[in-house]
Amino acid sequence: MSATECQVGAAAPPSMHWCYLLNLTSGPGAATGTDDERGFVPPVPLAQRMWAGGKTEFIEPLRVGDQVTRRSEIAGVELKYGRSGPLCFVTIQHTYSTARGVATKDTQNLVFLNPAPQPTVKPAPTPRPPARRTQHSSVMHADAAMLFRYSALTHNGHPSHYDRPYATDIEKSPGLMVHGPLQAAILLEYAIQLHGAEPPKNFRHRGVATMFEGEFTVNANPVVNGIELWTADPAGTPCMTAEATW
């Protein structure tokens, strides 16, 4: 935000609610970002937690100088079994309120799982997906500095986002992992840029593939009452999909 935008009473960026009122914890598990909801999320005996997606309803802007209250509740817990083993889906509903009333309602979908074992034989490359037609597209670059700063903003301690040796040597990833919420925030801001200054009334997003550091594209097509959006890796694979409606 510019100095003018930071004046008391100015509307905060819509995606900033993901950076407010976080559960700041320390101790076992905090270094890997696994216990920032300790004592709230039901204990799940699975090692890895991922942000699977969610939806946000924007009712009234949060403004600079507001005193904000967040009320959170568990909306659902569901156990499923996939190709990689057990999966536990946890749905959390957050309500952000100011003295003026409810400002934002945010539903967060988390998935807990055990990391898949690394193959001993390098798999054959998957075919490149056909290029998806897009009316609007912008090229961006996720580097270590961007990922470190977003980790700090959201108090995400998992080193897969900012510690390259950990990501490549321990997790055997091709590079640093790009946060799901960061991609969602970028898509939300892109939708506002295309539509105008007014934030959407509703914004839905879903992670469909892991994105790693480097170049990626932000894409959008107009739909009835809104815009469909997605991020894509250099091969054209969608990583985060979203829809903003007004």
C-alpha atoms as a PDB file:
ATOM      1  CA  MET A   1       0.000   0.000   0.000  1.00  0.00           C
ATOM      2  CA  SER A   2       1.176   3.558  -0.728  1.00  0.00           C
ATOM      3  CA  ALA A   3       1.408   6.247   1.956  1.00  0.00           C
ATOM      4  CA  THR A   4      -1.954   7.619   0.825  1.00  0.00           C
ATOM      5  CA  GLU A   5      -3.575   4.174   0.982  1.00  0.00           C
ATOM      6  CA  CYS A   6      -2.234   3.701   4.535  1.00  0.00           C
ATOM      7  CA  GLN A   7      -4.143   6.683   5.929  1.00  0.00           C
ATOM      8  CA  VAL A   8      -6.629   5.894   8.689  1.00  0.00           C
ATOM      9  CA  GLY A   9      -9.947   4.933   7.134  1.00  0.00           C
ATOM     10  CA  ALA A  10      -8.502   3.745   3.830  1.00  0.00           C
ATOM     11  CA  ALA A  11      -9.662   0.318   2.675  1.00  0.00           C
ATOM     12  CA  ALA A  12      -7.086  -2.438   3.165  1.00  0.00           C
ATOM     13  CA  PRO A  13      -6.330  -4.839   0.267  1.00  0.00           C
ATOM     14  CA  PRO A  14      -9.065  -7.530   0.317  1.00  0.00           C
ATOM     15  CA  SER A  15      -6.595 -10.425   0.539  1.00  0.00           C
ATOM     16  CA  MET A  16      -4.975  -9.010   3.681  1.00  0.00           C
ATOM     17  CA  HIS A  17      -7.458 -10.784   5.960  1.00  0.00           C
ATOM     18  CA  TRP A  18      -5.273 -13.899   5.495  1.00  0.00           C
ATOM     19  CA  CYS A  19      -2.511 -11.996   7.311  1.00  0.00           C
ATOM     20  CA  TYR A  20      -4.584 -10.812  10.300  1.00  0.00           C
ATOM     21  CA  LEU A  21      -5.215 -12.317  13.745  1.00  0.00           C
ATOM     22  CA  LEU A  22      -2.936 -15.315  13.294  1.00  0.00           C
ATOM     23  CA  ASN A  23      -2.267 -17.897  15.990  1.00  0.00           C
ATOM     24  CA  LEU A  24       1.384 -17.218  16.786  1.00  0.00           C
ATOM     25  CA  THR A  25       2.872 -20.307  18.401  1.00  0.00           C
ATOM     26  CA  SER A  26       6.240 -21.757  19.251  1.00  0.00           C
ATOM     27  CA  GLY A  27       7.573 -25.091  20.392  1.00  0.00           C
ATOM     28  CA  PRO A  28       7.515 -28.548  18.763  1.00  0.00           C
ATOM     29  CA  GLY A  29       5.992 -28.454  15.323  1.00  0.00           C
ATOM     30  CA  ALA A  30       6.036 -24.682  14.913  1.00  0.00           C
ATOM     31  CA  ALA A  31       9.248 -24.751  12.878  1.00  0.00           C
ATOM     32  CA  THR A  32       7.494 -26.788  10.209  1.00  0.00           C
ATOM     33  CA  GLY A  33       4.275 -24.813  10.327  1.00  0.00           C
ATOM     34  CA  THR A  34       2.220 -27.735  11.600  1.00  0.00           C
ATOM     35  CA  ASP A  35       0.793 -26.403  14.851  1.00  0.00           C
ATOM     36  CA  ASP A  36      -0.363 -22.850  14.169  1.00  0.00           C
ATOM     37  CA  GLU A  37      -3.913 -23.995  14.986  1.00  0.00           C
ATOM     38  CA  ARG A  38      -2.874 -26.163  17.950  1.00  0.00           C
ATOM     39  CA  GLY A  39      -5.707 -26.585  20.438  1.00  0.00           C
ATOM     40  CA  PHE A  40      -8.274 -25.579  17.811  1.00  0.00           C
ATOM     41  CA  VAL A  41      -7.987 -27.948  14.858  1.00  0.00           C
ATOM     42  CA  PRO A  42      -8.753 -31.527  15.983  1.00  0.00           C
ATOM     43  CA  PRO A  43      -5.594 -33.624  16.396  1.00  0.00           C
ATOM     44  CA  VAL A  44      -4.892 -35.355  13.085  1.00  0.00           C
ATOM     45  CA  PRO A  45      -2.154 -38.050  13.072  1.00  0.00           C
ATOM     46  CA  LEU A  46      -0.951 -37.136   9.576  1.00  0.00           C
ATOM     47  CA  ALA A  47       2.368 -35.389   9.019  1.00  0.00           C
ATOM     48  CA  GLN A  48       1.643 -32.802   6.322  1.00  0.00           C
ATOM     49  CA  ARG A  49      -0.916 -30.019   6.205  1.00  0.00           C
ATOM     50  CA  MET A  50      -1.850 -28.201   2.998  1.00  0.00           C
ATOM     51  CA  TRP A  51      -4.199 -25.355   2.109  1.00  0.00           C
ATOM     52  CA  ALA A  52      -6.616 -26.958  -0.368  1.00  0.00           C
ATOM     53  CA  GLY A  53      -8.676 -23.870  -1.131  1.00  0.00           C
ATOM     54  CA  GLY A  54     -11.638 -21.957   0.188  1.00  0.00           C
ATOM     55  CA  LYS A  55     -14.154 -19.220  -0.416  1.00  0.00           C
ATOM     56  CA  THR A  56     -14.491 -15.644   0.807  1.00  0.00           C
ATOM     57  CA  GLU A  57     -17.493 -13.352   1.046  1.00  0.00           C
ATOM     58  CA  PHE A  58     -16.601  -9.653   1.119  1.00  0.00           C
ATOM     59  CA  ILE A  59     -19.333  -7.713   2.897  1.00  0.00           C
ATOM     60  CA  GLU A  60     -17.635  -4.478   3.993  1.00  0.00           C
ATOM     61  CA  PRO A  61     -13.985  -3.438   3.593  1.00  0.00           C
ATOM     62  CA  LEU A  62     -11.585  -3.732   6.487  1.00  0.00           C
ATOM     63  CA  ARG A  63     -10.051  -0.281   6.937  1.00  0.00           C
ATOM     64  CA  VAL A  64      -6.781   1.074   8.269  1.00  0.00           C
ATOM     65  CA  GLY A  65      -7.243   1.735  11.984  1.00  0.00           C
ATOM     66  CA  ASP A  66     -10.050  -0.792  12.471  1.00  0.00           C
ATOM     67  CA  GLN A  67     -10.144  -2.957  15.567  1.00  0.00           C
ATOM     68  CA  VAL A  68     -10.902  -6.373  14.092  1.00  0.00           C
ATOM     69  CA  THR A  69     -12.241  -9.499  15.779  1.00  0.00           C
ATOM     70  CA  ARG A  70     -11.994 -12.939  14.208  1.00  0.00           C
ATOM     71  CA  ARG A  71     -14.376 -15.702  15.261  1.00  0.00           C
ATOM     72  CA  SER A  72     -13.400 -19.193  14.059  1.00  0.00           C
ATOM     73  CA  GLU A  73     -15.257 -22.482  14.151  1.00  0.00           C
ATOM     74  CA  ILE A  74     -14.762 -25.978  12.781  1.00  0.00           C
ATOM     75  CA  ALA A  75     -17.420 -26.506  10.115  1.00  0.00           C
ATOM     76  CA  GLY A  76     -16.513 -30.077   9.187  1.00  0.00           C
ATOM     77  CA  VAL A  77     -14.021 -32.925   9.423  1.00  0.00           C
ATOM     78  CA  GLU A  78     -13.989 -35.704   6.821  1.00  0.00           C
ATOM     79  CA  LEU A  79     -11.660 -38.678   6.432  1.00  0.00           C
ATOM     80  CA  LYS A  80     -11.074 -40.080   2.955  1.00  0.00           C
ATOM     81  CA  TYR A  81      -8.661 -42.527   1.335  1.00  0.00           C
ATOM     82  CA  GLY A  82      -6.785 -41.721  -1.861  1.00  0.00           C
ATOM     83  CA  ARG A  83      -4.012 -43.292  -3.903  1.00  0.00           C
ATOM     84  CA  SER A  84      -1.424 -41.950  -1.458  1.00  0.00           C
ATOM     85  CA  GLY A  85      -3.270 -43.181   1.636  1.00  0.00           C
ATOM     86  CA  PRO A  86      -5.536 -41.510   4.220  1.00  0.00           C
ATOM     87  CA  LEU A  87      -6.573 -37.878   3.799  1.00  0.00           C
ATOM     88  CA  CYS A  88      -8.302 -35.736   6.405  1.00  0.00           C
ATOM     89  CA  PHE A  89     -10.211 -32.665   5.214  1.00  0.00           C
ATOM     90  CA  VAL A  90     -10.916 -29.944   7.781  1.00  0.00           C
ATOM     91  CA  THR A  91     -13.181 -26.990   7.002  1.00  0.00           C
ATOM     92  CA  ILE A  92     -12.790 -23.849   9.114  1.00  0.00           C
ATOM     93  CA  GLN A  93     -15.077 -20.825   8.977  1.00  0.00           C
ATOM     94  CA  HIS A  94     -13.615 -17.453   9.979  1.00  0.00           C
ATOM     95  CA  THR A  95     -15.733 -14.329  10.493  1.00  0.00           C
ATOM     96  CA  TYR A  96     -13.966 -10.949  10.621  1.00  0.00           C
ATOM     97  CA  SER A  97     -15.914  -8.139  12.294  1.00  0.00           C
ATOM     98  CA  THR A  98     -15.353  -4.476  13.097  1.00  0.00           C
ATOM     99  CA  ALA A  99     -17.404  -1.912  15.039  1.00  0.00           C
ATOM    100  CA  ARG A 100     -19.498  -1.547  11.864  1.00  0.00           C
ATOM    101  CA  GLY A 101     -20.443  -5.244  11.838  1.00  0.00           C
ATOM    102  CA  VAL A 102     -19.338  -8.309   9.881  1.00  0.00           C
ATOM    103  CA  ALA A 103     -16.798  -7.393   7.214  1.00  0.00           C
ATOM    104  CA  THR A 104     -15.533 -10.693   5.770  1.00  0.00           C
ATOM    105  CA  LYS A 105     -16.569 -14.332   5.948  1.00  0.00           C
ATOM    106  CA  ASP A 106     -13.819 -16.748   4.984  1.00  0.00           C
ATOM    107  CA  THR A 107     -14.027 -20.532   4.638  1.00  0.00           C
ATOM    108  CA  GLN A 108     -10.676 -22.331   4.700  1.00  0.00           C
ATOM    109  CA  ASN A 109     -10.285 -25.906   3.474  1.00  0.00           C
ATOM    110  CA  LEU A 110      -7.284 -27.789   4.875  1.00  0.00           C
ATOM    111  CA  VAL A 111      -6.106 -31.266   3.942  1.00  0.00           C
ATOM    112  CA  PHE A 112      -3.857 -33.397   6.131  1.00  0.00           C
ATOM    113  CA  LEU A 113      -1.877 -36.270   4.612  1.00  0.00           C
ATOM    114  CA  ASN A 114       1.351 -38.221   4.847  1.00  0.00           C
ATOM    115  CA  PRO A 115       4.015 -37.254   2.289  1.00  0.00           C
ATOM    116  CA  ALA A 116       4.151 -39.637  -0.646  1.00  0.00           C
ATOM    117  CA  PRO A 117       7.311 -41.788  -0.750  1.00  0.00           C
ATOM    118  CA  GLN A 118       9.828 -40.659  -3.326  1.00  0.00           C
ATOM    119  CA  PRO A 119      10.046 -43.038  -6.316  1.00  0.00           C
ATOM    120  CA  THR A 120      13.324 -44.924  -6.705  1.00  0.00           C
ATOM    121  CA  VAL A 121      12.981 -44.752 -10.482  1.00  0.00           C
ATOM    122  CA  LYS A 122      12.433 -41.405 -12.172  1.00  0.00           C
ATOM    123  CA  PRO A 123       8.936 -41.462 -13.678  1.00  0.00           C
ATOM    124  CA  ALA A 124       8.398 -40.804 -17.351  1.00  0.00           C
ATOM    125  CA  PRO A 125       7.511 -37.166 -18.092  1.00  0.00           C
ATOM    126  CA  THR A 126       3.802 -36.509 -18.219  1.00  0.00           C
ATOM    127  CA  PRO A 127       2.412 -35.189 -21.498  1.00  0.00           C
ATOM    128  CA  ARG A 128       2.119 -31.409 -21.656  1.00  0.00           C
ATOM    129  CA  PRO A 129      -1.528 -30.390 -21.304  1.00  0.00           C
ATOM    130  CA  PRO A 130      -3.157 -28.619 -24.239  1.00  0.00           C
ATOM    131  CA  ALA A 131      -2.912 -24.846 -23.978  1.00  0.00           C
ATOM    132  CA  ARG A 132      -6.035 -23.343 -22.428  1.00  0.00           C
ATOM    133  CA  ARG A 133      -7.468 -20.330 -24.176  1.00  0.00           C
ATOM    134  CA  THR A 134      -7.262 -17.183 -22.100  1.00  0.00           C
ATOM    135  CA  GLN A 135      -8.407 -13.652 -22.789  1.00  0.00           C
ATOM    136  CA  HIS A 136      -6.111 -12.086 -20.184  1.00  0.00           C
ATOM    137  CA  SER A 137      -2.686 -13.340 -19.117  1.00  0.00           C
ATOM    138  CA  SER A 138       0.250 -11.924 -17.204  1.00  0.00           C
ATOM    139  CA  VAL A 139       3.704 -13.400 -16.561  1.00  0.00           C
ATOM    140  CA  MET A 140       5.024 -13.318 -12.995  1.00  0.00           C
ATOM    141  CA  HIS A 141       8.052 -14.688 -11.180  1.00  0.00           C
ATOM    142  CA  ALA A 142       8.074 -16.260  -7.715  1.00  0.00           C
ATOM    143  CA  ASP A 143      11.538 -16.006  -6.199  1.00  0.00           C
ATOM    144  CA  ALA A 144      12.972 -16.831  -2.782  1.00  0.00           C
ATOM    145  CA  ALA A 145      12.554 -13.251  -1.536  1.00  0.00           C
ATOM    146  CA  MET A 146       8.843 -13.160  -2.402  1.00  0.00           C
ATOM    147  CA  LEU A 147       8.194 -16.526  -0.746  1.00  0.00           C
ATOM    148  CA  PHE A 148      10.173 -15.613   2.371  1.00  0.00           C
ATOM    149  CA  ARG A 149       8.270 -12.334   2.761  1.00  0.00           C
ATOM    150  CA  TYR A 150       4.875 -14.003   2.387  1.00  0.00           C
ATOM    151  CA  SER A 151       5.882 -16.676   4.891  1.00  0.00           C
ATOM    152  CA  ALA A 152       6.726 -13.889   7.333  1.00  0.00           C
ATOM    153  CA  LEU A 153       3.438 -12.040   6.687  1.00  0.00           C
ATOM    154  CA  THR A 154       1.359 -15.152   7.327  1.00  0.00           C
ATOM    155  CA  HIS A 155       3.611 -16.634  10.052  1.00  0.00           C
ATOM    156  CA  ASN A 156       4.090 -19.775   7.961  1.00  0.00           C
ATOM    157  CA  GLY A 157       7.148 -21.522   9.389  1.00  0.00           C
ATOM    158  CA  HIS A 158       7.359 -24.392   6.910  1.00  0.00           C
ATOM    159  CA  PRO A 159      10.857 -24.291   5.338  1.00  0.00           C
ATOM    160  CA  SER A 160       9.610 -25.700   2.029  1.00  0.00           C
ATOM    161  CA  HIS A 161       8.663 -22.107   1.150  1.00  0.00           C
ATOM    162  CA  TYR A 162      11.966 -20.365   1.914  1.00  0.00           C
ATOM    163  CA  ASP A 163      14.753 -22.887   2.611  1.00  0.00           C
ATOM    164  CA  ARG A 164      15.905 -24.267  -0.747  1.00  0.00           C
ATOM    165  CA  PRO A 165      18.284 -26.950   0.658  1.00  0.00           C
ATOM    166  CA  TYR A 166      15.423 -28.256   2.825  1.00  0.00           C
ATOM    167  CA  ALA A 167      13.001 -28.248  -0.099  1.00  0.00           C
ATOM    168  CA  THR A 168      15.362 -29.996  -2.514  1.00  0.00           C
ATOM    169  CA  ASP A 169      17.376 -32.276  -0.176  1.00  0.00           C
ATOM    170  CA  ILE A 170      14.791 -33.232   2.459  1.00  0.00           C
ATOM    171  CA  GLU A 171      11.508 -32.999   0.581  1.00  0.00           C
ATOM    172  CA  LYS A 172      13.086 -33.869  -2.806  1.00  0.00           C
ATOM    173  CA  SER A 173      11.163 -31.050  -4.484  1.00  0.00           C
ATOM    174  CA  PRO A 174      12.412 -29.324  -7.650  1.00  0.00           C
ATOM    175  CA  GLY A 175      12.514 -26.015  -5.762  1.00  0.00           C
ATOM    176  CA  LEU A 176      10.745 -23.830  -3.231  1.00  0.00           C
ATOM    177  CA  MET A 177       6.994 -24.324  -2.990  1.00  0.00           C
ATOM    178  CA  VAL A 178       4.706 -21.355  -3.748  1.00  0.00           C
ATOM    179  CA  HIS A 179       2.050 -20.829  -1.066  1.00  0.00           C
ATOM    180  CA  GLY A 180      -1.541 -21.564  -2.007  1.00  0.00           C
ATOM    181  CA  PRO A 181      -2.825 -18.405  -0.264  1.00  0.00           C
ATOM    182  CA  LEU A 182      -0.228 -16.314  -2.097  1.00  0.00           C
ATOM    183  CA  GLN A 183      -1.501 -17.595  -5.435  1.00  0.00           C
ATOM    184  CA  ALA A 184      -5.085 -16.946  -4.301  1.00  0.00           C
ATOM    185  CA  ALA A 185      -4.168 -13.381  -3.280  1.00  0.00           C
ATOM    186  CA  ILE A 186      -2.517 -12.764  -6.656  1.00  0.00           C
ATOM    187  CA  LEU A 187      -5.592 -14.081  -8.491  1.00  0.00           C
ATOM    188  CA  LEU A 188      -7.911 -11.935  -6.360  1.00  0.00           C
ATOM    189  CA  GLU A 189      -5.886  -8.789  -7.059  1.00  0.00           C
ATOM    190  CA  TYR A 190      -5.778  -9.651 -10.783  1.00  0.00           C
ATOM    191  CA  ALA A 191      -9.575  -9.987 -10.832  1.00  0.00           C
ATOM    192  CA  ILE A 192      -9.968  -6.581  -9.176  1.00  0.00           C
ATOM    193  CA  GLN A 193      -7.493  -5.061 -11.638  1.00  0.00           C
ATOM    194  CA  LEU A 194      -9.471  -6.397 -14.607  1.00  0.00           C
ATOM    195  CA  HIS A 195     -12.921  -5.576 -13.249  1.00  0.00           C
ATOM    196  CA  GLY A 196     -12.209  -2.251 -11.582  1.00  0.00           C
ATOM    197  CA  ALA A 197     -11.452  -0.988  -8.079  1.00  0.00           C
ATOM    198  CA  GLU A 198     -14.426  -2.685  -6.405  1.00  0.00           C
ATOM    199  CA  PRO A 199     -13.629  -6.054  -4.759  1.00  0.00           C
ATOM    200  CA  PRO A 200     -15.856  -9.004  -5.710  1.00  0.00           C
ATOM    201  CA  LYS A 201     -18.714 -10.050  -3.477  1.00  0.00           C
ATOM    202  CA  ASN A 202     -17.535 -13.666  -3.548  1.00  0.00           C
ATOM    203  CA  PHE A 203     -14.223 -15.315  -4.319  1.00  0.00           C
ATOM    204  CA  ARG A 204     -13.651 -19.081  -4.555  1.00  0.00           C
ATOM    205  CA  HIS A 205     -10.299 -20.780  -5.067  1.00  0.00           C
ATOM    206  CA  ARG A 206      -8.972 -24.326  -5.179  1.00  0.00           C
ATOM    207  CA  GLY A 207      -5.484 -25.759  -5.362  1.00  0.00           C
ATOM    208  CA  VAL A 208      -5.172 -28.358  -8.125  1.00  0.00           C
ATOM    209  CA  ALA A 209      -1.394 -28.816  -8.455  1.00  0.00           C
ATOM    210  CA  THR A 210       1.758 -27.808  -6.614  1.00  0.00           C
ATOM    211  CA  MET A 211       3.565 -24.751  -7.938  1.00  0.00           C
ATOM    212  CA  PHE A 212       7.297 -24.251  -7.467  1.00  0.00           C
ATOM    213  CA  GLU A 213       9.464 -21.138  -7.644  1.00  0.00           C
ATOM    214  CA  GLY A 214      10.175 -19.537 -10.981  1.00  0.00           C
ATOM    215  CA  GLU A 215       8.110 -18.085 -13.783  1.00  0.00           C
ATOM    216  CA  PHE A 216       4.358 -18.627 -13.865  1.00  0.00           C
ATOM    217  CA  THR A 217       1.333 -17.058 -15.501  1.00  0.00           C
ATOM    218  CA  VAL A 218      -1.825 -15.508 -14.086  1.00  0.00           C
ATOM    219  CA  ASN A 219      -4.772 -16.022 -16.416  1.00  0.00           C
ATOM    220  CA  ALA A 220      -8.392 -14.880 -16.622  1.00  0.00           C
ATOM    221  CA  ASN A 221     -11.512 -15.194 -18.730  1.00  0.00           C
ATOM    222  CA  PRO A 222     -14.794 -13.318 -18.262  1.00  0.00           C
ATOM    223  CA  VAL A 223     -17.818 -15.382 -17.188  1.00  0.00           C
ATOM    224  CA  VAL A 224     -21.391 -14.490 -16.275  1.00  0.00           C
ATOM    225  CA  ASN A 225     -21.295 -12.013 -13.366  1.00  0.00           C
ATOM    226  CA  GLY A 226     -17.570 -12.370 -12.898  1.00  0.00           C
ATOM    227  CA  ILE A 227     -14.176 -13.702 -13.905  1.00  0.00           C
ATOM    228  CA  GLU A 228     -12.624 -17.189 -13.864  1.00  0.00           C
ATOM    229  CA  LEU A 229      -8.929 -17.247 -13.054  1.00  0.00           C
ATOM    230  CA  TRP A 230      -6.024 -19.625 -12.703  1.00  0.00           C
ATOM    231  CA  THR A 231      -2.283 -19.733 -12.193  1.00  0.00           C
ATOM    232  CA  ALA A 232      -0.225 -22.006 -14.441  1.00  0.00           C
ATOM    233  CA  ASP A 233       3.335 -23.300 -14.385  1.00  0.00           C
ATOM    234  CA  PRO A 234       5.693 -22.981 -17.395  1.00  0.00           C
ATOM    235  CA  ALA A 235       4.253 -26.191 -18.858  1.00  0.00           C
ATOM    236  CA  GLY A 236       0.768 -24.682 -18.800  1.00  0.00           C
ATOM    237  CA  THR A 237      -0.490 -26.879 -15.950  1.00  0.00           C
ATOM    238  CA  PRO A 238      -3.116 -25.078 -13.815  1.00  0.00           C
ATOM    239  CA  CYS A 239      -2.016 -24.882 -10.170  1.00  0.00           C
ATOM    240  CA  MET A 240      -4.678 -22.719  -8.523  1.00  0.00           C
ATOM    241  CA  THR A 241      -8.131 -22.059  -9.987  1.00  0.00           C
ATOM    242  CA  ALA A 242     -10.524 -19.382  -8.832  1.00  0.00           C
ATOM    243  CA  GLU A 243     -13.710 -17.501  -9.628  1.00  0.00           C
ATOM    244  CA  ALA A 244     -14.607 -13.960  -8.592  1.00  0.00           C
ATOM    245  CA  THR A 245     -18.243 -12.803  -8.819  1.00  0.00           C
ATOM    246  CA  TRP A 246     -19.808  -9.382  -8.342  1.00  0.00           C
END
